[in-house]
Protein backbone atom coordinates (compact mmCIF):
# COMPACT_ATOMS: atom_id res chain seq x y z
CA MET A 1 -15.60 6.97 -3.13
CA ASP A 2 -11.81 6.95 -3.43
CA ILE A 3 -9.51 4.74 -1.37
CA PHE A 4 -8.71 7.51 1.12
CA GLU A 5 -12.40 8.20 1.83
CA LYS A 6 -13.01 4.46 2.11
CA GLN A 7 -10.29 4.06 4.71
CA GLN A 8 -11.59 7.04 6.69
CA THR A 9 -15.16 5.68 6.65
CA ILE A 10 -14.01 2.18 7.62
CA GLU A 11 -12.03 3.51 10.59
CA SER A 12 -15.05 5.54 11.79
CA ILE A 13 -17.40 2.54 11.51
CA LYS A 14 -14.88 0.31 13.31
CA ALA A 15 -14.83 2.78 16.21
CA VAL A 16 -18.65 2.70 16.39
CA VAL A 17 -18.65 -1.11 16.27
CA LYS A 18 -16.18 -1.30 19.17
CA ALA A 19 -18.27 1.11 21.25
CA ARG A 20 -21.47 -0.84 20.50
CA TRP A 21 -20.08 -4.00 22.11
CA PHE A 22 -19.75 -2.01 25.32
CA PHE A 23 -22.96 -0.01 25.56
CA ALA A 24 -25.20 -2.90 24.35
CA SER A 25 -23.75 -5.06 27.12
CA ILE A 26 -24.27 -2.27 29.68
CA VAL A 27 -27.97 -1.89 28.75
CA PHE A 28 -28.53 -5.64 28.95
CA ALA A 29 -26.67 -5.92 32.28
CA GLN A 30 -28.68 -3.02 33.72
CA GLY A 31 -31.94 -4.73 32.76
CA LEU A 32 -30.85 -8.01 34.39
CA LEU A 33 -29.72 -6.16 37.51
CA VAL A 34 -33.11 -4.47 37.85
CA LYS A 35 -34.84 -7.83 37.46
CA PHE A 36 -32.49 -9.43 39.99
CA LEU A 37 -33.16 -6.70 42.55
CA ALA A 38 -36.92 -7.06 41.89
CA ILE A 39 -37.37 -3.32 41.46
CA ASP A 40 -40.93 -2.46 40.52
CA VAL A 41 -40.32 -0.83 37.12
CA PRO A 42 -41.74 -1.48 33.66
CA LEU A 43 -39.23 -3.65 31.89
CA ALA A 44 -39.06 -6.00 28.93
CA THR A 45 -38.82 -9.70 29.64
CA THR A 46 -35.45 -11.43 29.87
CA PHE A 47 -36.17 -13.22 26.60
CA GLN A 48 -36.98 -9.95 24.83
CA LEU A 49 -33.86 -8.25 26.19
CA SER A 50 -31.75 -11.25 25.22
CA LEU A 51 -33.25 -11.22 21.73
CA ILE A 52 -32.41 -7.52 21.30
CA LEU A 53 -28.87 -8.08 22.61
CA VAL A 54 -28.27 -11.08 20.36
CA GLY A 55 -29.61 -9.12 17.38
CA SER A 56 -27.28 -6.20 18.18
CA TYR A 57 -24.33 -8.54 18.59
CA PHE A 58 -25.21 -10.37 15.38
CA TYR A 59 -25.21 -7.37 13.08
CA ASN A 60 -22.28 -5.85 14.98
CA PHE A 61 -20.27 -9.02 14.37
CA GLY A 62 -21.32 -8.91 10.71
CA TYR A 63 -19.98 -5.35 10.42
CA TRP A 64 -16.72 -6.32 12.09
CA LEU A 65 -16.28 -9.40 9.89
CA TYR A 66 -16.97 -7.52 6.65
CA LEU A 67 -14.74 -4.55 7.50
CA ARG A 68 -11.75 -6.84 8.12
CA ARG A 69 -11.37 -7.18 4.36
CA PRO A 70 -8.84 -5.00 2.50
CA PRO A 71 -10.37 -1.59 1.56
CA GLU A 72 -9.99 -2.25 -2.16
CA LYS A 73 -12.18 -5.36 -1.83
CA ILE A 74 -14.99 -3.55 0.02
CA SER A 75 -17.84 -2.40 -2.21
CA SER A 76 -18.71 1.31 -2.02
CA PHE A 77 -22.43 0.43 -2.11
CA TRP A 78 -22.23 -1.94 0.86
CA LEU A 79 -20.00 0.44 2.77
CA LYS A 80 -22.57 3.22 2.36
CA THR A 81 -25.34 0.80 3.41
CA ILE A 82 -23.45 -0.23 6.55
CA LYS A 83 -22.82 3.44 7.27
CA VAL A 84 -26.57 4.20 7.26
CA LEU A 85 -27.40 1.13 9.36
CA GLN A 86 -25.07 2.32 12.14
CA ILE A 87 -27.68 4.95 12.99
CA ALA A 88 -30.93 3.25 11.99
CA LEU A 89 -30.48 -0.12 13.73
CA ASP A 90 -29.34 1.43 17.01
CA GLN A 91 -32.39 3.69 17.07
CA LEU A 92 -34.62 0.70 16.31
CA ALA A 93 -32.97 -1.31 19.12
CA VAL A 94 -33.66 1.46 21.66
CA SER A 95 -37.23 1.75 20.36
CA ALA A 96 -37.67 -2.03 20.76
CA ILE A 97 -36.60 -1.83 24.42
CA LEU A 98 -39.10 0.96 25.04
CA TYR A 99 -41.83 -0.85 23.15
CA PHE A 100 -41.44 -4.10 25.08
CA SER A 101 -41.18 -2.17 28.35
CA GLY A 102 -44.69 -0.79 27.73
CA THR A 103 -43.86 2.89 28.24
CA VAL A 104 -41.52 5.61 27.01
CA ASP A 105 -41.16 6.98 30.54
CA LYS A 106 -37.76 5.35 31.00
CA GLN A 107 -34.20 6.58 31.29
CA VAL A 108 -33.19 4.36 28.39
CA VAL A 109 -34.42 7.13 26.07
CA VAL A 110 -31.02 8.80 26.59
CA MET A 111 -29.61 6.03 24.38
CA TYR A 112 -31.26 7.84 21.46
CA PHE A 113 -28.66 10.56 21.84
CA ILE A 114 -25.90 8.06 21.10
CA SER A 115 -27.20 7.97 17.53
CA LEU A 116 -26.50 11.72 17.34
CA MET A 117 -22.85 11.04 18.17
CA ILE A 118 -22.76 8.25 15.60
CA GLY A 119 -24.35 10.54 13.01
CA ILE A 120 -21.82 13.34 13.53
CA SER A 121 -18.89 10.93 13.42
CA LEU A 122 -20.02 9.32 10.14
CA TYR A 123 -21.88 12.05 8.26
CA GLY A 124 -20.97 15.34 9.88
CA LYS A 125 -23.76 17.93 9.89
CA LYS A 126 -26.01 15.85 7.62
CA GLY A 127 -25.74 13.00 10.11
CA ILE A 128 -26.93 15.24 12.92
CA ILE A 129 -30.09 16.16 11.02
CA LEU A 130 -30.84 12.57 10.01
CA SER A 131 -30.23 11.23 13.52
CA ALA A 132 -32.34 13.95 15.15
CA LEU A 133 -35.23 13.33 12.76
CA GLY A 134 -35.01 9.58 13.37
CA CYS A 135 -35.04 10.03 17.15
CA SER A 136 -37.98 12.43 17.00
CA PHE A 137 -39.97 10.19 14.65
CA LEU A 138 -39.47 6.98 16.65
CA TYR A 139 -40.03 8.51 20.08
CA SER A 140 -43.09 10.43 18.93
CA GLY A 141 -44.43 7.27 17.30
CA LEU A 142 -44.00 5.31 20.54
CA LEU A 143 -45.74 8.10 22.47
CA ILE A 144 -48.71 7.89 20.12
CA LEU A 145 -48.81 4.09 20.46
CA GLU A 146 -48.70 4.42 24.25
CA TYR A 147 -51.50 7.00 24.18
CA TYR A 148 -53.74 4.63 22.24
CA GLY A 149 -52.81 1.69 24.41
CA LEU A 150 -50.92 -0.20 21.70
CA LEU A 151 -47.93 -0.79 23.95
CA SER A 152 -47.89 -3.36 26.73
CA ALA A 153 -50.30 -2.33 29.47
CA VAL A 154 -48.44 -0.67 32.34
CA GLN A 155 -50.15 0.40 35.53
CA SER A 156 -49.15 3.56 37.36
CA LEU A 157 -46.09 2.80 39.42
CA LYS A 158 -44.26 4.85 42.02
CA PHE A 159 -41.74 6.38 39.63
CA PHE A 160 -43.47 5.79 36.29
CA THR A 161 -46.61 7.29 34.82
CA PRO A 162 -48.01 5.73 31.63
CA GLY A 163 -49.39 8.03 28.93
CA LEU A 164 -52.38 5.85 28.14
CA GLY A 165 -55.27 8.21 27.31
CA ASP A 166 -53.46 11.18 28.88
CA LEU A 167 -53.12 13.67 26.01
CA GLU A 168 -51.57 16.42 28.13
CA LEU A 169 -48.85 14.07 29.43
CA VAL A 170 -48.14 12.83 25.91
CA LYS A 171 -47.85 16.43 24.63
CA LEU A 172 -45.57 17.35 27.53
CA ARG A 173 -43.26 14.40 26.91
CA MET A 174 -43.22 14.96 23.17
CA ILE A 175 -42.35 18.64 23.51
CA GLY A 176 -39.74 17.93 26.18
CA PHE A 177 -38.00 15.14 24.29
CA ASN A 178 -37.95 16.99 20.97
CA ALA A 179 -36.65 20.13 22.69
CA TYR A 180 -33.77 18.11 24.13
CA VAL A 181 -33.11 16.52 20.76
CA ILE A 182 -33.08 19.88 18.99
CA SER A 183 -30.78 21.35 21.65
CA ALA A 184 -28.40 18.40 21.41
CA ALA A 185 -28.51 18.64 17.60
CA PHE A 186 -27.56 22.34 17.67
CA PHE A 187 -24.77 21.61 20.13
CA ALA A 188 -23.51 18.81 17.92
CA TRP A 189 -23.81 21.12 14.90
CA PHE A 190 -21.33 23.57 16.40
CA ILE A 191 -19.05 20.76 17.54
CA SER A 192 -19.05 19.39 14.01
CA ASN A 193 -17.21 22.51 12.86
CA VAL A 194 -14.19 21.18 14.72
CA PHE A 195 -14.43 17.93 12.79
CA ARG A 196 -14.97 19.90 9.59
CA VAL A 197 -11.74 21.83 10.11
CA ARG A 198 -9.92 18.57 10.76
CA GLU A 199 -11.50 17.05 7.68
CA LYS A 200 -10.36 19.97 5.50
CA ARG A 201 -6.89 19.64 6.95
CA LEU A 202 -6.93 15.91 6.20
CA ILE A 203 -8.14 16.57 2.65
CA GLY A 204 -5.34 19.08 2.19
CA GLN A 205 -2.85 16.56 3.52
CA LYS A 206 -4.35 13.92 1.23
CA ASP A 207 -3.91 16.19 -1.81
CA GLU A 208 -0.38 17.00 -0.71
CA LEU A 209 0.38 13.31 -0.24
CA THR A 210 -1.10 12.58 -3.66
CA VAL A 211 1.23 15.14 -5.26
CA LYS A 212 4.19 13.77 -3.32
CA ALA A 213 3.19 10.23 -4.24
CA ASN A 214 3.11 11.18 -7.93
CA ILE A 215 6.52 12.83 -7.63
CA LEU A 216 7.86 9.82 -5.79
CA SER A 217 6.40 7.51 -8.43
CA ARG A 218 8.04 9.52 -11.19
CA GLN A 219 11.36 9.58 -9.32
CA THR A 220 11.06 5.84 -8.80
CA GLN A 221 10.57 5.34 -12.53
CA GLU A 222 13.56 7.55 -13.26
CA LEU A 223 15.66 5.66 -10.72
CA THR A 224 14.57 2.39 -12.29
CA GLN A 225 15.60 3.65 -15.73
CA THR A 226 18.91 4.90 -14.34
CA LYS A 227 19.44 1.55 -12.68
CA ASP A 228 18.79 -0.19 -16.00
CA TYR A 229 21.21 2.15 -17.75
CA LEU A 230 23.87 1.56 -15.10
CA HIS A 231 23.32 -2.17 -15.30
CA GLU A 232 23.68 -2.05 -19.07
CA ALA A 233 26.81 0.12 -18.77
CA LEU A 234 28.32 -2.23 -16.20
CA THR A 235 27.54 -5.19 -18.44
CA LYS A 236 29.23 -3.48 -21.37
CA SER A 237 32.15 -2.48 -19.12
CA ASP A 238 32.58 -6.06 -17.93
CA LYS A 239 32.48 -7.28 -21.53
CA ALA A 240 35.04 -4.68 -22.60
CA ARG A 241 37.24 -5.59 -19.64
CA ILE A 242 37.05 -9.28 -20.60
CA ASP A 243 37.86 -8.43 -24.23
CA LEU A 244 40.78 -6.24 -23.06
CA GLU A 245 42.11 -9.04 -20.86
CA LYS A 246 41.81 -11.44 -23.79
CA THR A 247 43.61 -9.01 -26.11
CA ARG A 248 46.35 -8.42 -23.56
CA THR A 249 46.82 -12.16 -23.13
CA GLU A 250 47.02 -12.65 -26.88
CA LEU A 251 49.44 -9.71 -27.13
CA GLN A 252 51.66 -11.18 -24.43
CA LYS A 253 51.60 -14.54 -26.20
CA ALA A 254 52.46 -12.89 -29.52
CA ASN A 255 55.25 -10.92 -27.83
CA LEU A 256 56.72 -14.09 -26.38
CA GLU A 257 56.56 -15.79 -29.75
CA LEU A 258 58.19 -12.74 -31.35
CA GLN A 259 60.97 -12.74 -28.79
CA ALA A 260 61.56 -16.44 -29.43
CA LYS A 261 61.77 -15.79 -33.19
CA VAL A 262 64.17 -12.90 -32.63
CA ARG A 263 66.40 -15.08 -30.46
CA GLU A 264 66.27 -17.82 -33.07
CA LEU A 265 67.10 -15.31 -35.81
CA GLU A 266 69.95 -13.87 -33.79
CA LYS A 267 71.33 -17.35 -33.18
CA TYR A 268 71.01 -18.16 -36.87
CA GLY A 269 72.64 -14.88 -37.75
CA GLU A 270 75.55 -15.60 -35.46
CA VAL A 271 76.08 -19.01 -37.06
CA THR A 272 75.85 -17.57 -40.59
CA THR A 273 78.27 -14.76 -39.80
CA GLY A 274 80.74 -17.26 -38.36
CA ARG A 275 80.58 -19.35 -41.52
CA GLU A 276 81.13 -16.35 -43.75
CA LEU A 277 84.21 -15.31 -41.77
CA LYS A 278 85.58 -18.84 -41.96
CA MET A 279 85.08 -18.89 -45.73
CA ILE A 280 86.94 -15.62 -46.09
CA GLU A 281 89.86 -17.02 -44.06
CA LEU A 282 89.87 -20.19 -46.12
CA LYS A 283 89.89 -18.19 -49.32
CA GLU A 284 92.81 -16.13 -48.05
CA GLU A 285 94.69 -19.25 -47.10
CA ILE A 286 93.94 -20.86 -50.48
CA LYS A 287 95.15 -17.71 -52.23
CA LYS A 288 98.35 -17.74 -50.23
CA LEU A 289 98.87 -21.41 -50.95
CA ARG A 290 98.39 -20.81 -54.65
CA GLU A 291 100.90 -17.98 -54.60
CA THR A 292 103.37 -20.19 -52.75
CA ILE A 293 102.87 -22.96 -55.30
CA GLU A 294 103.42 -20.52 -58.19
CA ASN A 295 106.54 -19.23 -56.54
CA LEU A 296 107.81 -22.70 -56.01
CA LYS A 297 107.10 -23.59 -59.67
CA GLY A 298 108.97 -20.48 -60.78
CA GLN A 299 111.99 -21.33 -58.67
CA SER A 300 111.99 -24.90 -59.95
CA ALA A 301 111.96 -23.74 -63.54
CA SER A 302 114.88 -21.37 -62.94
CA SER A 303 117.01 -24.10 -61.45
CA ARG A 304 116.75 -26.23 -64.58
């Protein structure tokens, strides 16, 4: 049982559980109302009705409590068991009411047909067959018990006729009830085709969703990888930007130092050039002075 089938089964059982709170209370309230109005009908005692109601509420509460768990934590075995009990325990509860009432000649037998609705909602066509067989078996068994006087003794009342020792009445009731059950089962069988079409559509949608989920999962993985690549590229880009900023800063610093050296060199060059020019002038002046001295010496010698 996959997770989709689990969820579908859980939702169906939850719907049955919700409905059971209502119809169990209605049956119990109807029994109390009949007792309060003192209508002369065969009926189970208040204690017996209360016991059946408490039992129904107890296992219904157990279903509700267990199905509140996440689907992945619900065992497939217990889910299948609970699914079967939805039909079986309700049929046994109706049979218990009839048994303690002392006769099957009661309108409460219509509650058997609720199990047909439960069967079709949980099992489809197989549920119809199982529910119909369960109804037929239990009702027929109660008829036989009533015929042999194994139910509570019920005298003939105005609107009720017990089947104790009356074989013809027992046959008539058995044939009538089973005919109604078979008719209801066939009706439910045709109605189930509607559910079958819906189920096929849901299965198709499930398969489509599975394919889309796989595609989405793959795209998510690809997006995750792309995100990692982008993150890595951004990290490298940030590192390169930091390195570039550092290089540019160092370049600017080196450029400033170079400019300072150039200015210093130019200044030194200007000083050196000035000195060289001064030396040339001094040499020229010394040369002129020497020539003047030589001339003066020559003139002095001539005068003597």
